[in-house]
């Protein structure tokens, strides 16, 4: 699971998308307005973020809204804390 997360986080465009979504849920069109790249490229980035379970999507009428999946971030933080504790015990 974390391999997909780290792969998704390795790209600056995907990190910026996550930064945008921390403020509010957004459509792909709203997200793409913040970038100088094509809408298909934004869709690709969103797809990778979804595969890593970092974002979720929900259809509302004719639009799909993307939001942060904070539970994955919580799991990731727990992993870092556990890793830090185990390294201090050595």
Protein backbone atom coordinates (compact mmCIF):
# COMPACT_ATOMS: atom_id res chain seq x y z
CA UNK A 1 0.00 0.00 0.00
CA UNK A 2 2.69 2.50 0.97
CA UNK A 3 4.57 1.91 -2.29
CA UNK A 4 1.65 3.46 -4.20
CA UNK A 5 1.45 6.29 -1.68
CA UNK A 6 5.14 7.15 -1.97
CA UNK A 7 4.98 6.92 -5.77
CA UNK A 8 2.00 9.28 -5.80
CA UNK A 9 3.69 11.72 -3.42
CA UNK A 10 6.91 11.76 -5.45
CA UNK A 11 5.43 14.03 -8.11
CA UNK A 12 5.15 17.80 -7.44
CA UNK A 13 1.94 18.13 -9.47
CA UNK A 14 0.23 15.47 -7.37
CA UNK A 15 1.46 17.10 -4.18
CA UNK A 16 -0.01 20.41 -5.36
CA UNK A 17 -3.33 18.69 -6.11
CA UNK A 18 -3.37 17.33 -2.55
CA UNK A 19 -2.57 20.80 -1.26
CA UNK A 20 -5.53 22.22 -3.19
CA UNK A 21 -7.86 19.53 -1.86
CA UNK A 22 -6.94 20.21 1.76
CA UNK A 23 -9.00 23.42 1.50
CA UNK A 24 -12.11 21.96 -0.11
CA UNK A 25 -13.48 19.27 -2.40
CA UNK A 26 -13.01 20.15 -6.06
CA UNK A 27 -13.94 18.91 -9.53
CA UNK A 28 -11.25 17.90 -12.01
CA UNK A 29 -12.02 21.08 -13.96
CA UNK A 30 -11.52 23.25 -10.89
CA UNK A 31 -8.26 21.47 -10.14
CA UNK A 32 -7.02 21.85 -13.72
CA UNK A 33 -7.61 25.62 -13.55
CA UNK A 34 -4.65 25.80 -11.14
CA UNK A 35 -2.22 24.19 -13.61
CA UNK A 36 -0.74 24.82 -17.04
CA UNK A 37 -1.12 21.21 -18.14
CA UNK A 38 -3.80 19.41 -20.12
CA UNK A 39 -6.99 18.08 -18.57
CA UNK A 40 -6.04 14.50 -19.56
CA UNK A 41 -2.79 14.95 -17.60
CA UNK A 42 -4.76 16.13 -14.55
CA UNK A 43 -7.02 13.09 -14.93
CA UNK A 44 -3.94 10.84 -15.00
CA UNK A 45 -2.60 12.43 -11.81
CA UNK A 46 -6.00 12.08 -10.13
CA UNK A 47 -6.12 8.43 -11.18
CA UNK A 48 -2.75 7.75 -9.55
CA UNK A 49 -3.85 9.56 -6.39
CA UNK A 50 -7.00 7.42 -6.33
CA UNK A 51 -4.98 4.22 -6.84
CA UNK A 52 -2.88 5.21 -3.83
CA UNK A 53 -6.13 5.87 -1.94
CA UNK A 54 -5.00 9.43 -1.20
CA UNK A 55 -8.14 10.91 -2.76
CA UNK A 56 -11.68 9.71 -3.14
CA UNK A 57 -14.31 10.82 -5.61
CA UNK A 58 -18.05 11.27 -5.41
CA UNK A 59 -20.49 12.03 -8.19
CA UNK A 60 -22.83 14.95 -7.49
CA UNK A 61 -25.11 15.48 -10.46
CA UNK A 62 -22.99 15.77 -13.58
CA UNK A 63 -19.78 16.51 -11.67
CA UNK A 64 -17.29 14.31 -9.85
CA UNK A 65 -15.85 15.89 -6.73
CA UNK A 66 -12.46 14.85 -5.39
CA UNK A 67 -11.54 14.99 -1.72
CA UNK A 68 -8.62 14.01 0.50
CA UNK A 69 -8.71 10.60 2.12
CA UNK A 70 -7.21 11.56 5.47
CA UNK A 71 -7.24 8.01 6.83
CA UNK A 72 -4.33 7.09 4.53
CA UNK A 73 -2.36 10.06 5.86
CA UNK A 74 -3.13 8.92 9.40
CA UNK A 75 -1.84 5.41 8.57
CA UNK A 76 1.26 6.90 7.01
CA UNK A 77 1.94 9.08 10.05
CA UNK A 78 1.48 6.10 12.35
CA UNK A 79 3.99 4.15 10.25
CA UNK A 80 6.53 7.00 10.53
CA UNK A 81 6.02 7.24 14.29
CA UNK A 82 6.41 3.48 14.71
CA UNK A 83 9.51 3.56 12.54
CA UNK A 84 10.94 6.38 14.61
CA UNK A 85 10.25 4.52 17.87
CA UNK A 86 11.89 1.34 16.64
CA UNK A 87 15.03 3.20 15.54
CA UNK A 88 15.32 4.86 18.98
CA UNK A 89 15.09 1.49 20.70
CA UNK A 90 18.22 0.20 18.96
